PDB file of N, CA and C in Angstrom:
ATOM      1  N   MET A   1       0.837  -1.186   0.000  1.00  0.00           N
ATOM      2  CA  MET A   1       0.000   0.000   0.000  1.00  0.00           C
ATOM      3  C   MET A   1       0.876   1.242   0.000  1.00  0.00           C
ATOM      4  N   GLU A   2       0.431   2.209  -0.735  1.00  0.00           N
ATOM      5  CA  GLU A   2       1.162   3.470  -0.858  1.00  0.00           C
ATOM      6  C   GLU A   2       0.477   4.532  -0.005  1.00  0.00           C
ATOM      7  N   LEU A   3       1.249   5.293   0.757  1.00  0.00           N
ATOM      8  CA  LEU A   3       0.738   6.385   1.573  1.00  0.00           C
ATOM      9  C   LEU A   3       0.673   7.638   0.713  1.00  0.00           C
ATOM     10  N   VAL A   4      -0.534   8.232   0.606  1.00  0.00           N
ATOM     11  CA  VAL A   4      -0.755   9.370  -0.277  1.00  0.00           C
ATOM     12  C   VAL A   4      -1.311  10.551   0.514  1.00  0.00           C
ATOM     13  N   LEU A   5      -0.703  11.711   0.375  1.00  0.00           N
ATOM     14  CA  LEU A   5      -1.183  12.937   1.003  1.00  0.00           C
ATOM     15  C   LEU A   5      -2.313  13.510   0.157  1.00  0.00           C
ATOM     16  N   ASP A   6      -3.515  13.584   0.746  1.00  0.00           N
ATOM     17  CA  ASP A   6      -4.684  14.134   0.053  1.00  0.00           C
ATOM     18  C   ASP A   6      -5.588  14.760   1.113  1.00  0.00           C
ATOM     19  N   SER A   7      -5.284  15.993   1.470  1.00  0.00           N
ATOM     20  CA  SER A   7      -5.966  16.665   2.579  1.00  0.00           C
ATOM     21  C   SER A   7      -7.462  16.820   2.380  1.00  0.00           C
ATOM     22  N   SER A   8      -7.898  17.110   1.170  1.00  0.00           N
ATOM     23  CA  SER A   8      -9.338  17.323   0.958  1.00  0.00           C
ATOM     24  C   SER A   8     -10.121  16.016   1.064  1.00  0.00           C
ATOM     25  N   SER A   9      -9.620  14.961   0.475  1.00  0.00           N
ATOM     26  CA  SER A   9     -10.277  13.659   0.594  1.00  0.00           C
ATOM     27  C   SER A   9     -10.246  13.174   2.036  1.00  0.00           C
ATOM     28  N   PHE A  10      -9.119  13.388   2.703  1.00  0.00           N
ATOM     29  CA  PHE A  10      -8.989  12.988   4.103  1.00  0.00           C
ATOM     30  C   PHE A  10     -10.020  13.715   4.965  1.00  0.00           C
ATOM     31  N   ALA A  11     -10.156  15.015   4.776  1.00  0.00           N
ATOM     32  CA  ALA A  11     -11.106  15.808   5.559  1.00  0.00           C
ATOM     33  C   ALA A  11     -12.528  15.287   5.378  1.00  0.00           C
ATOM     34  N   GLU A  12     -12.889  15.013   4.132  1.00  0.00           N
ATOM     35  CA  GLU A  12     -14.234  14.499   3.852  1.00  0.00           C
ATOM     36  C   GLU A  12     -14.451  13.144   4.525  1.00  0.00           C
ATOM     37  N   GLN A  13     -13.475  12.275   4.439  1.00  0.00           N
ATOM     38  CA  GLN A  13     -13.641  10.935   4.996  1.00  0.00           C
ATOM     39  C   GLN A  13     -13.660  10.934   6.515  1.00  0.00           C
ATOM     40  N   GLN A  14     -12.856  11.780   7.146  1.00  0.00           N
ATOM     41  CA  GLN A  14     -12.902  11.807   8.607  1.00  0.00           C
ATOM     42  C   GLN A  14     -14.212  12.429   9.093  1.00  0.00           C
ATOM     43  N   GLU A  15     -14.760  13.366   8.349  1.00  0.00           N
ATOM     44  CA  GLU A  15     -16.058  13.948   8.688  1.00  0.00           C
ATOM     45  C   GLU A  15     -17.157  12.881   8.601  1.00  0.00           C
ATOM     46  N   ILE A  16     -17.098  12.065   7.573  1.00  0.00           N
ATOM     47  CA  ILE A  16     -18.066  10.965   7.428  1.00  0.00           C
ATOM     48  C   ILE A  16     -17.903   9.965   8.576  1.00  0.00           C
ATOM     49  N   LEU A  17     -16.662   9.628   8.913  1.00  0.00           N
ATOM     50  CA  LEU A  17     -16.416   8.668   9.988  1.00  0.00           C
ATOM     51  C   LEU A  17     -16.954   9.163  11.324  1.00  0.00           C
ATOM     52  N   ILE A  18     -16.630  10.392  11.708  1.00  0.00           N
ATOM     53  CA  ILE A  18     -17.111  10.880  13.004  1.00  0.00           C
ATOM     54  C   ILE A  18     -18.619  11.074  12.967  1.00  0.00           C
ATOM     55  N   GLY A  19     -19.171  11.384  11.808  1.00  0.00           N
ATOM     56  CA  GLY A  19     -20.636  11.456  11.687  1.00  0.00           C
ATOM     57  C   GLY A  19     -21.283  10.111  11.949  1.00  0.00           C
ATOM     58  N   GLU A  20     -20.691   9.066  11.432  1.00  0.00           N
ATOM     59  CA  GLU A  20     -21.218   7.713  11.655  1.00  0.00           C
ATOM     60  C   GLU A  20     -21.073   7.311  13.121  1.00  0.00           C
ATOM     61  N   ILE A  21     -19.970   7.683  13.737  1.00  0.00           N
ATOM     62  CA  ILE A  21     -19.777   7.407  15.161  1.00  0.00           C
ATOM     63  C   ILE A  21     -20.849   8.129  15.988  1.00  0.00           C
ATOM     64  N   ILE A  22     -21.115   9.375  15.657  1.00  0.00           N
ATOM     65  CA  ILE A  22     -22.141  10.146  16.361  1.00  0.00           C
ATOM     66  C   ILE A  22     -23.511   9.487  16.203  1.00  0.00           C
ATOM     67  N   LEU A  23     -23.860   9.097  14.988  1.00  0.00           N
ATOM     68  CA  LEU A  23     -25.150   8.434  14.762  1.00  0.00           C
ATOM     69  C   LEU A  23     -25.242   7.115  15.520  1.00  0.00           C
ATOM     70  N   SER A  24     -24.170   6.364  15.546  1.00  0.00           N
ATOM     71  CA  SER A  24     -24.163   5.083  16.262  1.00  0.00           C
ATOM     72  C   SER A  24     -24.356   5.279  17.760  1.00  0.00           C
ATOM     73  N   ILE A  25     -23.682   6.265  18.317  1.00  0.00           N
ATOM     74  CA  ILE A  25     -23.838   6.550  19.746  1.00  0.00           C
ATOM     75  C   ILE A  25     -25.271   6.980  20.035  1.00  0.00           C
ATOM     76  N   LYS A  26     -25.785   7.905  19.241  1.00  0.00           N
ATOM     77  CA  LYS A  26     -27.160   8.406  19.430  1.00  0.00           C
ATOM     78  C   LYS A  26     -28.155   7.261  19.360  1.00  0.00           C
ATOM     79  N   ASP A  27     -28.061   6.439  18.340  1.00  0.00           N
ATOM     80  CA  ASP A  27     -28.999   5.324  18.168  1.00  0.00           C
ATOM     81  C   ASP A  27     -28.914   4.334  19.327  1.00  0.00           C
ATOM     82  N   THR A  28     -27.700   4.043  19.784  1.00  0.00           N
ATOM     83  CA  THR A  28     -27.511   3.106  20.893  1.00  0.00           C
ATOM     84  C   THR A  28     -28.102   3.662  22.182  1.00  0.00           C
ATOM     85  N   LEU A  29     -27.885   4.952  22.432  1.00  0.00           N
ATOM     86  CA  LEU A  29     -28.461   5.569  23.622  1.00  0.00           C
ATOM     87  C   LEU A  29     -29.983   5.570  23.565  1.00  0.00           C
ATOM     88  N   GLU A  30     -30.532   5.887  22.398  1.00  0.00           N
ATOM     89  CA  GLU A  30     -31.987   5.898  22.255  1.00  0.00           C
ATOM     90  C   GLU A  30     -32.577   4.502  22.438  1.00  0.00           C
ATOM     91  N   GLU A  31     -31.890   3.480  21.944  1.00  0.00           N
ATOM     92  CA  GLU A  31     -32.341   2.104  22.155  1.00  0.00           C
ATOM     93  C   GLU A  31     -32.350   1.754  23.636  1.00  0.00           C
ATOM     94  N   ALA A  32     -31.449   2.379  24.399  1.00  0.00           N
ATOM     95  CA  ALA A  32     -31.374   2.138  25.842  1.00  0.00           C
ATOM     96  C   ALA A  32     -32.327   3.038  26.625  1.00  0.00           C
ATOM     97  N   GLY A  33     -33.095   3.872  25.909  1.00  0.00           N
ATOM     98  CA  GLY A  33     -34.083   4.721  26.565  1.00  0.00           C
ATOM     99  C   GLY A  33     -33.613   6.118  26.907  1.00  0.00           C
ATOM    100  N   VAL A  34     -32.405   6.489  26.476  1.00  0.00           N
ATOM    101  CA  VAL A  34     -31.897   7.835  26.733  1.00  0.00           C
ATOM    102  C   VAL A  34     -32.276   8.708  25.540  1.00  0.00           C
ATOM    103  N   THR A  35     -33.038   9.779  25.798  1.00  0.00           N
ATOM    104  CA  THR A  35     -33.513  10.634  24.710  1.00  0.00           C
ATOM    105  C   THR A  35     -33.333  12.110  25.071  1.00  0.00           C
ATOM    106  N   GLY A  36     -33.686  12.962  24.141  1.00  0.00           N
ATOM    107  CA  GLY A  36     -33.687  14.408  24.374  1.00  0.00           C
ATOM    108  C   GLY A  36     -32.320  14.978  24.676  1.00  0.00           C
ATOM    109  N   ASP A  37     -32.322  15.951  25.605  1.00  0.00           N
ATOM    110  CA  ASP A  37     -31.082  16.639  25.959  1.00  0.00           C
ATOM    111  C   ASP A  37     -30.037  15.695  26.552  1.00  0.00           C
ATOM    112  N   ALA A  38     -30.506  14.708  27.306  1.00  0.00           N
ATOM    113  CA  ALA A  38     -29.565  13.751  27.901  1.00  0.00           C
ATOM    114  C   ALA A  38     -28.857  12.956  26.813  1.00  0.00           C
ATOM    115  N   ALA A  39     -29.586  12.549  25.782  1.00  0.00           N
ATOM    116  CA  ALA A  39     -28.988  11.807  24.671  1.00  0.00           C
ATOM    117  C   ALA A  39     -27.997  12.689  23.924  1.00  0.00           C
ATOM    118  N   ARG A  40     -28.359  13.935  23.689  1.00  0.00           N
ATOM    119  CA  ARG A  40     -27.470  14.842  22.968  1.00  0.00           C
ATOM    120  C   ARG A  40     -26.181  15.063  23.756  1.00  0.00           C
ATOM    121  N   GLU A  41     -26.309  15.353  25.048  1.00  0.00           N
ATOM    122  CA  GLU A  41     -25.130  15.617  25.874  1.00  0.00           C
ATOM    123  C   GLU A  41     -24.215  14.397  25.945  1.00  0.00           C
ATOM    124  N   ALA A  42     -24.792  13.232  26.165  1.00  0.00           N
ATOM    125  CA  ALA A  42     -23.982  12.012  26.248  1.00  0.00           C
ATOM    126  C   ALA A  42     -23.341  11.690  24.903  1.00  0.00           C
ATOM    127  N   THR A  43     -24.076  11.877  23.816  1.00  0.00           N
ATOM    128  CA  THR A  43     -23.551  11.621  22.479  1.00  0.00           C
ATOM    129  C   THR A  43     -22.350  12.506  22.195  1.00  0.00           C
ATOM    130  N   VAL A  44     -22.477  13.793  22.467  1.00  0.00           N
ATOM    131  CA  VAL A  44     -21.385  14.732  22.202  1.00  0.00           C
ATOM    132  C   VAL A  44     -20.161  14.390  23.055  1.00  0.00           C
ATOM    133  N   LYS A  45     -20.367  14.109  24.333  1.00  0.00           N
ATOM    134  CA  LYS A  45     -19.237  13.778  25.208  1.00  0.00           C
ATOM    135  C   LYS A  45     -18.519  12.510  24.750  1.00  0.00           C
ATOM    136  N   LEU A  46     -19.295  11.467  24.442  1.00  0.00           N
ATOM    137  CA  LEU A  46     -18.689  10.210  23.999  1.00  0.00           C
ATOM    138  C   LEU A  46     -17.986  10.372  22.653  1.00  0.00           C
ATOM    139  N   ALA A  47     -18.641  11.028  21.706  1.00  0.00           N
ATOM    140  CA  ALA A  47     -18.047  11.218  20.376  1.00  0.00           C
ATOM    141  C   ALA A  47     -16.776  12.049  20.464  1.00  0.00           C
ATOM    142  N   PHE A  48     -16.795  13.095  21.291  1.00  0.00           N
ATOM    143  CA  PHE A  48     -15.614  13.942  21.429  1.00  0.00           C
ATOM    144  C   PHE A  48     -14.458  13.148  22.027  1.00  0.00           C
ATOM    145  N   LYS A  49     -14.744  12.329  23.034  1.00  0.00           N
ATOM    146  CA  LYS A  49     -13.705  11.496  23.663  1.00  0.00           C
ATOM    147  C   LYS A  49     -13.124  10.509  22.657  1.00  0.00           C
ATOM    148  N   ILE A  50     -13.987   9.835  21.911  1.00  0.00           N
ATOM    149  CA  ILE A  50     -13.523   8.878  20.897  1.00  0.00           C
ATOM    150  C   ILE A  50     -12.688   9.589  19.840  1.00  0.00           C
ATOM    151  N   ALA A  51     -13.168  10.742  19.374  1.00  0.00           N
ATOM    152  CA  ALA A  51     -12.434  11.502  18.360  1.00  0.00           C
ATOM    153  C   ALA A  51     -11.067  11.927  18.881  1.00  0.00           C
ATOM    154  N   CYS A  52     -11.002  12.399  20.118  1.00  0.00           N
ATOM    155  CA  CYS A  52      -9.711  12.800  20.695  1.00  0.00           C
ATOM    156  C   CYS A  52      -8.758  11.619  20.798  1.00  0.00           C
ATOM    157  N   ASP A  53      -9.299  10.446  21.148  1.00  0.00           N
ATOM    158  CA  ASP A  53      -8.454   9.248  21.190  1.00  0.00           C
ATOM    159  C   ASP A  53      -7.894   8.943  19.803  1.00  0.00           C
ATOM    160  N   LEU A  54      -8.740   8.988  18.795  1.00  0.00           N
ATOM    161  CA  LEU A  54      -8.299   8.704  17.430  1.00  0.00           C
ATOM    162  C   LEU A  54      -7.366   9.794  16.895  1.00  0.00           C
ATOM    163  N   ASP A  55      -7.582  11.027  17.316  1.00  0.00           N
ATOM    164  CA  ASP A  55      -6.771  12.156  16.855  1.00  0.00           C
ATOM    165  C   ASP A  55      -5.426  12.241  17.574  1.00  0.00           C
ATOM    166  N   ALA A  56      -5.202  11.372  18.544  1.00  0.00           N
ATOM    167  CA  ALA A  56      -3.973  11.364  19.348  1.00  0.00           C
ATOM    168  C   ALA A  56      -3.814  12.646  20.152  1.00  0.00           C
ATOM    169  N   THR A  57      -4.937  13.225  20.576  1.00  0.00           N
ATOM    170  CA  THR A  57      -4.874  14.416  21.425  1.00  0.00           C
ATOM    171  C   THR A  57      -5.180  14.074  22.877  1.00  0.00           C
ATOM    172  N   ALA A  58      -5.526  12.820  23.149  1.00  0.00           N
ATOM    173  CA  ALA A  58      -5.968  12.428  24.481  1.00  0.00           C
ATOM    174  C   ALA A  58      -4.856  11.899  25.374  1.00  0.00           C
ATOM    175  N   GLY A  59      -3.710  11.592  24.829  1.00  0.00           N
ATOM    176  CA  GLY A  59      -2.626  11.055  25.638  1.00  0.00           C
ATOM    177  C   GLY A  59      -2.920   9.662  26.163  1.00  0.00           C
ATOM    178  N   ILE A  60      -2.977   8.693  25.288  1.00  0.00           N
ATOM    179  CA  ILE A  60      -3.280   7.315  25.664  1.00  0.00           C
ATOM    180  C   ILE A  60      -1.996   6.615  26.097  1.00  0.00           C
ATOM    181  N   GLU A  61      -2.078   5.967  27.274  1.00  0.00           N
ATOM    182  CA  GLU A  61      -0.926   5.243  27.798  1.00  0.00           C
ATOM    183  C   GLU A  61      -1.428   4.117  28.689  1.00  0.00           C
ATOM    184  N   PHE A  62      -0.755   2.968  28.598  1.00  0.00           N
ATOM    185  CA  PHE A  62      -1.088   1.823  29.451  1.00  0.00           C
ATOM    186  C   PHE A  62       0.186   1.074  29.775  1.00  0.00           C
ATOM    187  N   ASP A  63       0.410   0.867  31.056  1.00  0.00           N
ATOM    188  CA  ASP A  63       1.608   0.155  31.515  1.00  0.00           C
ATOM    189  C   ASP A  63       2.895   0.713  30.911  1.00  0.00           C
ATOM    190  N   GLY A  64       2.966   2.027  30.818  1.00  0.00           N
ATOM    191  CA  GLY A  64       4.169   2.668  30.305  1.00  0.00           C
ATOM    192  C   GLY A  64       4.291   2.696  28.795  1.00  0.00           C
ATOM    193  N   VAL A  65       3.300   2.146  28.097  1.00  0.00           N
ATOM    194  CA  VAL A  65       3.322   2.149  26.629  1.00  0.00           C
ATOM    195  C   VAL A  65       2.415   3.264  26.138  1.00  0.00           C
ATOM    196  N   GLU A  66       2.994   4.220  25.432  1.00  0.00           N
ATOM    197  CA  GLU A  66       2.241   5.334  24.872  1.00  0.00           C
ATOM    198  C   GLU A  66       1.709   4.947  23.492  1.00  0.00           C
ATOM    199  N   VAL A  67       0.463   5.305  23.236  1.00  0.00           N
ATOM    200  CA  VAL A  67      -0.181   4.980  21.962  1.00  0.00           C
ATOM    201  C   VAL A  67      -0.531   6.280  21.241  1.00  0.00           C
ATOM    202  N   ASN A  68      -0.079   6.416  20.010  1.00  0.00           N
ATOM    203  CA  ASN A  68      -0.351   7.600  19.193  1.00  0.00           C
ATOM    204  C   ASN A  68      -0.899   7.166  17.845  1.00  0.00           C
ATOM    205  N   PRO A  69      -2.227   7.109  17.714  1.00  0.00           N
ATOM    206  CA  PRO A  69      -2.819   6.680  16.439  1.00  0.00           C
ATOM    207  C   PRO A  69      -2.481   7.639  15.292  1.00  0.00           C
ATOM    208  N   PHE A  70      -2.425   7.080  14.110  1.00  0.00           N
ATOM    209  CA  PHE A  70      -2.257   7.852  12.885  1.00  0.00           C
ATOM    210  C   PHE A  70      -3.331   7.357  11.927  1.00  0.00           C
ATOM    211  N   VAL A  71      -4.390   8.137  11.774  1.00  0.00           N
ATOM    212  CA  VAL A  71      -5.546   7.720  10.981  1.00  0.00           C
ATOM    213  C   VAL A  71      -5.259   7.867   9.495  1.00  0.00           C
ATOM    214  N   THR A  72      -5.595   6.825   8.758  1.00  0.00           N
ATOM    215  CA  THR A  72      -5.561   6.855   7.295  1.00  0.00           C
ATOM    216  C   THR A  72      -6.861   6.249   6.793  1.00  0.00           C
ATOM    217  N   PHE A  73      -7.163   6.481   5.544  1.00  0.00           N
ATOM    218  CA  PHE A  73      -8.334   5.893   4.903  1.00  0.00           C
ATOM    219  C   PHE A  73      -7.889   5.194   3.627  1.00  0.00           C
ATOM    220  N   ILE A  74      -8.519   4.092   3.334  1.00  0.00           N
ATOM    221  CA  ILE A  74      -8.180   3.361   2.113  1.00  0.00           C
ATOM    222  C   ILE A  74      -8.903   4.001   0.944  1.00  0.00           C
ATOM    223  N   GLY A  75      -8.131   4.416  -0.042  1.00  0.00           N
ATOM    224  CA  GLY A  75      -8.691   5.019  -1.248  1.00  0.00           C
ATOM    225  C   GLY A  75      -8.597   4.059  -2.425  1.00  0.00           C
ATOM    226  N   GLU A  76      -8.724   4.604  -3.614  1.00  0.00           N
ATOM    227  CA  GLU A  76      -8.640   3.798  -4.830  1.00  0.00           C
ATOM    228  C   GLU A  76      -7.280   3.129  -4.936  1.00  0.00           C
ATOM    229  N   ASN A  77      -7.270   1.953  -5.518  1.00  0.00           N
ATOM    230  CA  ASN A  77      -6.037   1.189  -5.729  1.00  0.00           C
ATOM    231  C   ASN A  77      -5.281   0.922  -4.431  1.00  0.00           C
ATOM    232  N   ASP A  78      -6.035   0.742  -3.339  1.00  0.00           N
ATOM    233  CA  ASP A  78      -5.458   0.438  -2.025  1.00  0.00           C
ATOM    234  C   ASP A  78      -4.449   1.483  -1.545  1.00  0.00           C
ATOM    235  N   LYS A  79      -4.643   2.728  -1.942  1.00  0.00           N
ATOM    236  CA  LYS A  79      -3.768   3.795  -1.451  1.00  0.00           C
ATOM    237  C   LYS A  79      -4.276   4.257  -0.087  1.00  0.00           C
ATOM    238  N   LEU A  80      -3.354   4.494   0.830  1.00  0.00           N
ATOM    239  CA  LEU A  80      -3.699   4.982   2.157  1.00  0.00           C
ATOM    240  C   LEU A  80      -3.661   6.506   2.143  1.00  0.00           C
ATOM    241  N   ILE A  81      -4.808   7.117   2.369  1.00  0.00           N
ATOM    242  CA  ILE A  81      -4.936   8.572   2.314  1.00  0.00           C
ATOM    243  C   ILE A  81      -4.689   9.146   3.706  1.00  0.00           C
ATOM    244  N   HIS A  82      -3.819  10.145   3.786  1.00  0.00           N
ATOM    245  CA  HIS A  82      -3.544  10.827   5.053  1.00  0.00           C
ATOM    246  C   HIS A  82      -3.514  12.327   4.814  1.00  0.00           C
ATOM    247  N   CYS A  83      -3.399  13.086   5.914  1.00  0.00           N
ATOM    248  CA  CYS A  83      -3.424  14.548   5.794  1.00  0.00           C
ATOM    249  C   CYS A  83      -2.079  15.179   6.134  1.00  0.00           C
ATOM    250  N   GLY A  84      -1.077  14.357   6.403  1.00  0.00           N
ATOM    251  CA  GLY A  84       0.238  14.895   6.722  1.00  0.00           C
ATOM    252  C   GLY A  84       0.494  15.064   8.208  1.00  0.00           C
ATOM    253  N   GLY A  85      -0.463  14.673   9.009  1.00  0.00           N
ATOM    254  CA  GLY A  85      -0.320  14.779  10.465  1.00  0.00           C
ATOM    255  C   GLY A  85      -1.467  14.052  11.134  1.00  0.00           C
ATOM    256  N   ASN A  86      -1.737  14.418  12.362  1.00  0.00           N
ATOM    257  CA  ASN A  86      -2.834  13.785  13.078  1.00  0.00           C
ATOM    258  C   ASN A  86      -4.183  14.189  12.497  1.00  0.00           C
ATOM    259  N   SER A  87      -5.141  13.308  12.657  1.00  0.00           N
ATOM    260  CA  SER A  87      -6.514  13.635  12.273  1.00  0.00           C
ATOM    261  C   SER A  87      -7.042  14.702  13.230  1.00  0.00           C
ATOM    262  N   TYR A  88      -8.185  15.277  12.889  1.00  0.00           N
ATOM    263  CA  TYR A  88      -8.763  16.360  13.693  1.00  0.00           C
ATOM    264  C   TYR A  88     -10.286  16.234  13.745  1.00  0.00           C
ATOM    265  N   MET A  89     -10.733  14.986  13.900  1.00  0.00           N
ATOM    266  CA  MET A  89     -12.175  14.709  13.944  1.00  0.00           C
ATOM    267  C   MET A  89     -12.886  15.428  15.081  1.00  0.00           C
ATOM    268  N   HIS A  90     -12.192  15.638  16.195  1.00  0.00           N
ATOM    269  CA  HIS A  90     -12.835  16.295  17.336  1.00  0.00           C
ATOM    270  C   HIS A  90     -13.381  17.672  16.962  1.00  0.00           C
ATOM    271  N   GLU A  91     -12.798  18.312  15.953  1.00  0.00           N
ATOM    272  CA  GLU A  91     -13.252  19.629  15.525  1.00  0.00           C
ATOM    273  C   GLU A  91     -14.622  19.584  14.837  1.00  0.00           C
ATOM    274  N   TYR A  92     -15.042  18.419  14.377  1.00  0.00           N
ATOM    275  CA  TYR A  92     -16.316  18.270  13.680  1.00  0.00           C
ATOM    276  C   TYR A  92     -17.475  17.873  14.594  1.00  0.00           C
ATOM    277  N   VAL A  93     -17.169  17.433  15.816  1.00  0.00           N
ATOM    278  CA  VAL A  93     -18.200  16.829  16.663  1.00  0.00           C
ATOM    279  C   VAL A  93     -19.389  17.755  16.902  1.00  0.00           C
ATOM    280  N   ASP A  94     -19.172  18.979  17.349  1.00  0.00           N
ATOM    281  CA  ASP A  94     -20.293  19.868  17.664  1.00  0.00           C
ATOM    282  C   ASP A  94     -21.166  20.159  16.444  1.00  0.00           C
ATOM    283  N   GLY A  95     -20.549  20.475  15.331  1.00  0.00           N
ATOM    284  CA  GLY A  95     -21.320  20.800  14.129  1.00  0.00           C
ATOM    285  C   GLY A  95     -22.142  19.639  13.624  1.00  0.00           C
ATOM    286  N   ILE A  96     -21.553  18.456  13.609  1.00  0.00           N
ATOM    287  CA  ILE A  96     -22.287  17.278  13.139  1.00  0.00           C
ATOM    288  C   ILE A  96     -23.371  16.909  14.142  1.00  0.00           C
ATOM    289  N   ALA A  97     -23.066  16.999  15.434  1.00  0.00           N
ATOM    290  CA  ALA A  97     -24.090  16.713  16.453  1.00  0.00           C
ATOM    291  C   ALA A  97     -25.265  17.671  16.307  1.00  0.00           C
ATOM    292  N   ASN A  98     -24.995  18.945  16.031  1.00  0.00           N
ATOM    293  CA  ASN A  98     -26.079  19.911  15.807  1.00  0.00           C
ATOM    294  C   ASN A  98     -26.956  19.485  14.641  1.00  0.00           C
ATOM    295  N   ALA A  99     -26.329  19.025  13.565  1.00  0.00           N
ATOM    296  CA  ALA A  99     -27.095  18.575  12.400  1.00  0.00           C
ATOM    297  C   ALA A  99     -27.900  17.315  12.718  1.00  0.00           C
ATOM    298  N   VAL A 100     -27.291  16.379  13.428  1.00  0.00           N
ATOM    299  CA  VAL A 100     -27.960  15.127  13.769  1.00  0.00           C
ATOM    300  C   VAL A 100     -29.151  15.365  14.692  1.00  0.00           C
ATOM    301  N   PHE A 101     -28.976  16.265  15.644  1.00  0.00           N
ATOM    302  CA  PHE A 101     -30.036  16.535  16.614  1.00  0.00           C
ATOM    303  C   PHE A 101     -30.952  17.677  16.165  1.00  0.00           C
ATOM    304  N   GLY A 102     -30.760  18.180  14.927  1.00  0.00           N
ATOM    305  CA  GLY A 102     -31.658  19.176  14.366  1.00  0.00           C
ATOM    306  C   GLY A 102     -31.540  20.551  14.978  1.00  0.00           C
ATOM    307  N   GLU A 103     -30.314  20.953  15.317  1.00  0.00           N
ATOM    308  CA  GLU A 103     -30.076  22.265  15.901  1.00  0.00           C
ATOM    309  C   GLU A 103     -29.180  23.072  14.976  1.00  0.00           C
ATOM    310  N   SER A 104     -29.318  24.386  15.031  1.00  0.00           N
ATOM    311  CA  SER A 104     -28.431  25.231  14.229  1.00  0.00           C
ATOM    312  C   SER A 104     -27.177  25.533  15.031  1.00  0.00           C
ATOM    313  N   SER A 105     -26.069  25.743  14.322  1.00  0.00           N
ATOM    314  CA  SER A 105     -24.774  25.990  14.988  1.00  0.00           C
ATOM    315  C   SER A 105     -24.724  27.344  15.628  1.00  0.00           C
TER     316      SER A 105
END
């Protein structure tokens, strides 16, 4: 696999990924009976935490082993698309959550 720098494609794909994570959290909470403002607040907190973990902004460490994820996406011809640094999905959480929960930014 070849690593390819493509910032615009990367941005679009990470936005789709965190959007799907937000929808999954929301749906799971609603299935468990959590709705309304409580569902929105829990969804945003969980999605932001997950995004920070994936973005390597959370400082993950276990038993002295530090973990720093580097997110890539598989593109055409098995090329790995990256943005030249860490992902930044956490920046999309509020805006996408507003859209999912039907609120304006």
